[in-house]
Amino acid sequence: MREWNARWVVMGVLLLSALSLPAWSNSDALAASQSTLSEIKAVQFHDGNVITAGLPTAEQISALSEAGVDLVINLIPKNNPHAMGNEQQLVQDAGMAYINIEVDWQQPKSSDVEQFFAAMEQNKTKSVFVHCAANYRASAFYYLYLDKLTPQQVNQAEIMAPWGDLQQSLKQYPQWQQLIEQMQRH
């Protein structure tokens, strides 16, 4: 009887362990690389197949691939001092697709958001890693994408958590408040 109970306990532990992994996981390698992924600046694991974060290191780019990420969307302009000059090559060498949407922090445009929406729609069955320098642009764009899909059901403060006090941050960066309002009107 004890042997039978022990098997159920082990099976239960294994099941709970499997359920605790993010839904976007396409690979058993996620468990091995999760500590590395958790070290990415301002990382957020979202329901479905999306991670948003700040700029990853070269080592973390490899860990993303090992974890099953299919596509990296970079929102940092190429001429930005925070940009990683060889990021596209690192991502492609790791076996992932790469898209760079150059979003000017001072003047984000609705056309940037629309380009992001198109990339997300074209890759909605893939595991996607969206990043910028600090997960401000990435979390804002992902919030707008979710808000477009399911208006009134998205927790803006939760999705845009890297911004800290959201009301204060949007007052400090009014161009982002304007962009969000503009996109929500359309």
C-alpha atoms as a PDB file:
ATOM      1  CA  MET A   1       0.000   0.000   0.000  1.00  0.00           C
ATOM      2  CA  ARG A   2       2.831   2.402   0.865  1.00  0.00           C
ATOM      3  CA  GLU A   3       4.487   1.675  -2.484  1.00  0.00           C
ATOM      4  CA  TRP A   4       1.253   2.576  -4.295  1.00  0.00           C
ATOM      5  CA  ASN A   5       0.899   5.841  -2.309  1.00  0.00           C
ATOM      6  CA  ALA A   6       4.529   6.741  -2.973  1.00  0.00           C
ATOM      7  CA  ARG A   7       3.981   6.366  -6.723  1.00  0.00           C
ATOM      8  CA  TRP A   8       0.989   8.726  -6.603  1.00  0.00           C
ATOM      9  CA  VAL A   9       3.004  11.262  -4.613  1.00  0.00           C
ATOM     10  CA  VAL A  10       5.833  11.126  -7.164  1.00  0.00           C
ATOM     11  CA  MET A  11       3.378  11.419 -10.059  1.00  0.00           C
ATOM     12  CA  GLY A  12       1.686  14.368  -8.339  1.00  0.00           C
ATOM     13  CA  VAL A  13       4.989  16.159  -7.829  1.00  0.00           C
ATOM     14  CA  LEU A  14       5.945  15.591 -11.457  1.00  0.00           C
ATOM     15  CA  LEU A  15       2.566  16.878 -12.625  1.00  0.00           C
ATOM     16  CA  LEU A  16       2.780  19.988 -10.454  1.00  0.00           C
ATOM     17  CA  SER A  17       6.315  20.636 -11.681  1.00  0.00           C
ATOM     18  CA  ALA A  18       5.160  20.425 -15.285  1.00  0.00           C
ATOM     19  CA  LEU A  19       2.208  22.731 -14.623  1.00  0.00           C
ATOM     20  CA  SER A  20       4.426  25.380 -13.040  1.00  0.00           C
ATOM     21  CA  LEU A  21       6.314  25.994 -16.301  1.00  0.00           C
ATOM     22  CA  PRO A  22       5.171  28.960 -18.403  1.00  0.00           C
ATOM     23  CA  ALA A  23       2.592  28.094 -21.053  1.00  0.00           C
ATOM     24  CA  TRP A  24       4.844  29.337 -23.872  1.00  0.00           C
ATOM     25  CA  SER A  25       7.392  26.595 -23.252  1.00  0.00           C
ATOM     26  CA  ASN A  26       8.063  24.471 -26.314  1.00  0.00           C
ATOM     27  CA  SER A  27      10.955  22.649 -24.746  1.00  0.00           C
ATOM     28  CA  ASP A  28      12.064  20.673 -21.712  1.00  0.00           C
ATOM     29  CA  ALA A  29      15.201  22.793 -21.838  1.00  0.00           C
ATOM     30  CA  LEU A  30      13.235  25.670 -20.294  1.00  0.00           C
ATOM     31  CA  ALA A  31      13.695  24.213 -16.832  1.00  0.00           C
ATOM     32  CA  ALA A  32      17.463  24.160 -17.291  1.00  0.00           C
ATOM     33  CA  SER A  33      17.615  27.692 -18.669  1.00  0.00           C
ATOM     34  CA  GLN A  34      14.902  29.305 -16.535  1.00  0.00           C
ATOM     35  CA  SER A  35      17.372  30.746 -14.033  1.00  0.00           C
ATOM     36  CA  THR A  36      19.279  32.386 -16.901  1.00  0.00           C
ATOM     37  CA  LEU A  37      16.038  33.732 -18.400  1.00  0.00           C
ATOM     38  CA  SER A  38      14.958  35.084 -15.008  1.00  0.00           C
ATOM     39  CA  GLU A  39      18.150  37.150 -14.924  1.00  0.00           C
ATOM     40  CA  ILE A  40      17.209  39.091 -18.071  1.00  0.00           C
ATOM     41  CA  LYS A  41      16.525  42.708 -17.159  1.00  0.00           C
ATOM     42  CA  ALA A  42      12.855  43.337 -16.242  1.00  0.00           C
ATOM     43  CA  VAL A  43      11.723  39.996 -17.717  1.00  0.00           C
ATOM     44  CA  GLN A  44       8.026  39.166 -17.699  1.00  0.00           C
ATOM     45  CA  PHE A  45       6.631  35.774 -18.662  1.00  0.00           C
ATOM     46  CA  HIS A  46       3.144  36.265 -20.082  1.00  0.00           C
ATOM     47  CA  ASP A  47       0.346  33.800 -20.698  1.00  0.00           C
ATOM     48  CA  GLY A  48       0.582  32.208 -24.070  1.00  0.00           C
ATOM     49  CA  ASN A  49       3.805  32.411 -26.044  1.00  0.00           C
ATOM     50  CA  VAL A  50       5.216  35.822 -25.141  1.00  0.00           C
ATOM     51  CA  ILE A  51       8.049  37.109 -22.972  1.00  0.00           C
ATOM     52  CA  THR A  52       8.833  40.823 -22.669  1.00  0.00           C
ATOM     53  CA  ALA A  53      12.081  42.138 -21.230  1.00  0.00           C
ATOM     54  CA  GLY A  54      14.939  44.559 -21.326  1.00  0.00           C
ATOM     55  CA  LEU A  55      18.057  43.929 -23.390  1.00  0.00           C
ATOM     56  CA  PRO A  56      19.402  40.369 -23.017  1.00  0.00           C
ATOM     57  CA  THR A  57      23.074  39.456 -22.990  1.00  0.00           C
ATOM     58  CA  ALA A  58      24.626  37.214 -25.649  1.00  0.00           C
ATOM     59  CA  GLU A  59      24.477  34.288 -23.184  1.00  0.00           C
ATOM     60  CA  GLN A  60      20.804  34.960 -22.513  1.00  0.00           C
ATOM     61  CA  ILE A  61      20.062  34.982 -26.249  1.00  0.00           C
ATOM     62  CA  SER A  62      21.385  31.417 -26.403  1.00  0.00           C
ATOM     63  CA  ALA A  63      19.246  30.500 -23.376  1.00  0.00           C
ATOM     64  CA  LEU A  64      16.164  31.888 -25.152  1.00  0.00           C
ATOM     65  CA  SER A  65      16.783  29.561 -28.049  1.00  0.00           C
ATOM     66  CA  GLU A  66      17.325  26.608 -25.713  1.00  0.00           C
ATOM     67  CA  ALA A  67      14.042  27.470 -23.989  1.00  0.00           C
ATOM     68  CA  GLY A  68      12.123  27.222 -27.255  1.00  0.00           C
ATOM     69  CA  VAL A  69      11.765  30.858 -28.316  1.00  0.00           C
ATOM     70  CA  ASP A  70      11.202  31.085 -32.081  1.00  0.00           C
ATOM     71  CA  LEU A  71      11.301  34.837 -32.704  1.00  0.00           C
ATOM     72  CA  VAL A  72      13.036  37.839 -31.151  1.00  0.00           C
ATOM     73  CA  ILE A  73      11.457  41.256 -31.732  1.00  0.00           C
ATOM     74  CA  ASN A  74      13.824  44.093 -30.849  1.00  0.00           C
ATOM     75  CA  LEU A  75      12.276  47.560 -30.391  1.00  0.00           C
ATOM     76  CA  ILE A  76      15.586  49.424 -29.923  1.00  0.00           C
ATOM     77  CA  PRO A  77      16.751  51.655 -32.806  1.00  0.00           C
ATOM     78  CA  LYS A  78      20.045  50.506 -34.315  1.00  0.00           C
ATOM     79  CA  ASN A  79      21.737  53.829 -33.517  1.00  0.00           C
ATOM     80  CA  ASN A  80      20.710  53.727 -29.837  1.00  0.00           C
ATOM     81  CA  PRO A  81      23.690  53.526 -27.447  1.00  0.00           C
ATOM     82  CA  HIS A  82      21.965  50.615 -25.652  1.00  0.00           C
ATOM     83  CA  ALA A  83      21.610  48.560 -28.838  1.00  0.00           C
ATOM     84  CA  MET A  84      23.655  45.384 -29.202  1.00  0.00           C
ATOM     85  CA  GLY A  85      25.457  45.790 -32.529  1.00  0.00           C
ATOM     86  CA  ASN A  86      25.562  42.088 -33.385  1.00  0.00           C
ATOM     87  CA  GLU A  87      22.191  41.077 -31.952  1.00  0.00           C
ATOM     88  CA  GLN A  88      20.625  40.003 -35.246  1.00  0.00           C
ATOM     89  CA  GLN A  89      23.575  37.723 -35.983  1.00  0.00           C
ATOM     90  CA  LEU A  90      23.533  36.246 -32.454  1.00  0.00           C
ATOM     91  CA  VAL A  91      19.788  35.571 -32.669  1.00  0.00           C
ATOM     92  CA  GLN A  92      20.015  33.986 -36.107  1.00  0.00           C
ATOM     93  CA  ASP A  93      23.085  31.932 -35.131  1.00  0.00           C
ATOM     94  CA  ALA A  94      21.024  30.605 -32.212  1.00  0.00           C
ATOM     95  CA  GLY A  95      18.360  29.436 -34.692  1.00  0.00           C
ATOM     96  CA  MET A  96      15.704  32.068 -34.050  1.00  0.00           C
ATOM     97  CA  ALA A  97      14.084  34.575 -36.391  1.00  0.00           C
ATOM     98  CA  TYR A  98      14.727  38.283 -35.798  1.00  0.00           C
ATOM     99  CA  ILE A  99      12.718  41.457 -36.375  1.00  0.00           C
ATOM    100  CA  ASN A 100      13.906  44.963 -35.495  1.00  0.00           C
ATOM    101  CA  ILE A 101      11.258  47.670 -35.220  1.00  0.00           C
ATOM    102  CA  GLU A 102      13.135  50.882 -34.488  1.00  0.00           C
ATOM    103  CA  VAL A 103      11.008  52.742 -31.938  1.00  0.00           C
ATOM    104  CA  ASP A 104      12.238  56.233 -31.066  1.00  0.00           C
ATOM    105  CA  TRP A 105      11.747  56.631 -27.299  1.00  0.00           C
ATOM    106  CA  GLN A 106      11.082  60.366 -27.640  1.00  0.00           C
ATOM    107  CA  GLN A 107       8.675  60.024 -30.582  1.00  0.00           C
ATOM    108  CA  PRO A 108       6.969  56.634 -30.668  1.00  0.00           C
ATOM    109  CA  LYS A 109       4.613  56.399 -33.625  1.00  0.00           C
ATOM    110  CA  SER A 110       1.391  54.568 -34.308  1.00  0.00           C
ATOM    111  CA  SER A 111       3.068  53.140 -37.418  1.00  0.00           C
ATOM    112  CA  ASP A 112       5.615  51.460 -35.102  1.00  0.00           C
ATOM    113  CA  VAL A 113       2.773  49.908 -33.124  1.00  0.00           C
ATOM    114  CA  GLU A 114       1.024  48.793 -36.310  1.00  0.00           C
ATOM    115  CA  GLN A 115       4.241  47.159 -37.514  1.00  0.00           C
ATOM    116  CA  PHE A 116       4.472  45.381 -34.143  1.00  0.00           C
ATOM    117  CA  PHE A 117       0.834  44.229 -34.393  1.00  0.00           C
ATOM    118  CA  ALA A 118       1.532  42.800 -37.860  1.00  0.00           C
ATOM    119  CA  ALA A 119       4.626  40.938 -36.618  1.00  0.00           C
ATOM    120  CA  MET A 120       2.681  39.494 -33.688  1.00  0.00           C
ATOM    121  CA  GLU A 121      -0.214  38.402 -35.907  1.00  0.00           C
ATOM    122  CA  GLN A 122       2.104  36.768 -38.440  1.00  0.00           C
ATOM    123  CA  ASN A 123       3.809  34.856 -35.634  1.00  0.00           C
ATOM    124  CA  LYS A 124       0.946  34.185 -33.231  1.00  0.00           C
ATOM    125  CA  THR A 125       1.640  30.439 -33.157  1.00  0.00           C
ATOM    126  CA  LYS A 126       5.307  30.978 -32.268  1.00  0.00           C
ATOM    127  CA  SER A 127       7.089  31.662 -28.996  1.00  0.00           C
ATOM    128  CA  VAL A 128       8.083  35.331 -29.093  1.00  0.00           C
ATOM    129  CA  PHE A 129      10.582  37.341 -27.055  1.00  0.00           C
ATOM    130  CA  VAL A 130       9.935  41.104 -27.295  1.00  0.00           C
ATOM    131  CA  HIS A 131      12.538  43.436 -25.857  1.00  0.00           C
ATOM    132  CA  CYS A 132      13.853  46.946 -25.698  1.00  0.00           C
ATOM    133  CA  ALA A 133      16.456  48.425 -23.358  1.00  0.00           C
ATOM    134  CA  ALA A 134      14.431  48.268 -20.110  1.00  0.00           C
ATOM    135  CA  ASN A 135      11.066  46.646 -21.025  1.00  0.00           C
ATOM    136  CA  TYR A 136       9.272  49.979 -21.274  1.00  0.00           C
ATOM    137  CA  ARG A 137       8.698  50.014 -25.038  1.00  0.00           C
ATOM    138  CA  ALA A 138       8.216  46.230 -25.117  1.00  0.00           C
ATOM    139  CA  SER A 139       5.654  46.109 -22.307  1.00  0.00           C
ATOM    140  CA  ALA A 140       3.771  49.139 -23.676  1.00  0.00           C
ATOM    141  CA  PHE A 141       3.560  47.625 -27.168  1.00  0.00           C
ATOM    142  CA  TYR A 142       2.513  44.257 -25.785  1.00  0.00           C
ATOM    143  CA  TYR A 143      -0.135  45.951 -23.634  1.00  0.00           C
ATOM    144  CA  LEU A 144      -1.503  47.719 -26.716  1.00  0.00           C
ATOM    145  CA  TYR A 145      -1.528  44.441 -28.638  1.00  0.00           C
ATOM    146  CA  LEU A 146      -3.478  42.657 -25.891  1.00  0.00           C
ATOM    147  CA  ASP A 147      -5.799  45.641 -25.510  1.00  0.00           C
ATOM    148  CA  LYS A 148      -6.551  45.479 -29.229  1.00  0.00           C
ATOM    149  CA  LEU A 149      -7.397  41.760 -28.991  1.00  0.00           C
ATOM    150  CA  THR A 150      -9.403  41.849 -25.763  1.00  0.00           C
ATOM    151  CA  PRO A 151     -10.299  45.419 -24.792  1.00  0.00           C
ATOM    152  CA  GLN A 152     -11.424  45.907 -21.189  1.00  0.00           C
ATOM    153  CA  GLN A 153      -9.855  42.581 -20.148  1.00  0.00           C
ATOM    154  CA  VAL A 154      -6.214  43.617 -19.921  1.00  0.00           C
ATOM    155  CA  ASN A 155      -4.594  44.828 -16.718  1.00  0.00           C
ATOM    156  CA  GLN A 156      -2.412  47.685 -17.949  1.00  0.00           C
ATOM    157  CA  ALA A 157      -0.496  48.053 -14.682  1.00  0.00           C
ATOM    158  CA  GLU A 158       0.319  44.339 -14.662  1.00  0.00           C
ATOM    159  CA  ILE A 159       1.522  44.192 -18.274  1.00  0.00           C
ATOM    160  CA  MET A 160       3.433  47.460 -17.940  1.00  0.00           C
ATOM    161  CA  ALA A 161       4.852  46.609 -14.476  1.00  0.00           C
ATOM    162  CA  PRO A 162       8.450  47.491 -15.475  1.00  0.00           C
ATOM    163  CA  TRP A 163       7.330  51.135 -15.628  1.00  0.00           C
ATOM    164  CA  GLY A 164       6.856  51.135 -11.841  1.00  0.00           C
ATOM    165  CA  ASP A 165       4.232  53.668 -10.749  1.00  0.00           C
ATOM    166  CA  LEU A 166       2.441  53.744 -14.098  1.00  0.00           C
ATOM    167  CA  GLN A 167       0.558  57.011 -13.615  1.00  0.00           C
ATOM    168  CA  GLN A 168       3.720  58.808 -12.528  1.00  0.00           C
ATOM    169  CA  SER A 169       5.787  57.284 -15.328  1.00  0.00           C
ATOM    170  CA  LEU A 170       3.263  58.241 -17.999  1.00  0.00           C
ATOM    171  CA  LYS A 171       3.233  61.808 -16.651  1.00  0.00           C
ATOM    172  CA  GLN A 172       7.025  61.806 -16.919  1.00  0.00           C
ATOM    173  CA  TYR A 173       6.854  60.457 -20.485  1.00  0.00           C
ATOM    174  CA  PRO A 174       3.713  62.078 -21.962  1.00  0.00           C
ATOM    175  CA  GLN A 175       4.602  60.929 -25.488  1.00  0.00           C
ATOM    176  CA  TRP A 176       3.828  57.377 -24.342  1.00  0.00           C
ATOM    177  CA  GLN A 177       0.529  58.360 -22.733  1.00  0.00           C
ATOM    178  CA  GLN A 178      -0.421  60.081 -25.995  1.00  0.00           C
ATOM    179  CA  LEU A 179       0.539  57.018 -28.054  1.00  0.00           C
ATOM    180  CA  ILE A 180      -1.494  54.696 -25.818  1.00  0.00           C
ATOM    181  CA  GLU A 181      -4.541  56.961 -25.985  1.00  0.00           C
ATOM    182  CA  GLN A 182      -4.175  57.356 -29.756  1.00  0.00           C
ATOM    183  CA  MET A 183      -4.000  53.582 -30.305  1.00  0.00           C
ATOM    184  CA  GLN A 184      -6.946  52.928 -28.010  1.00  0.00           C
ATOM    185  CA  ARG A 185      -9.112  55.337 -30.016  1.00  0.00           C
ATOM    186  CA  HIS A 186      -8.481  53.347 -33.214  1.00  0.00           C
END
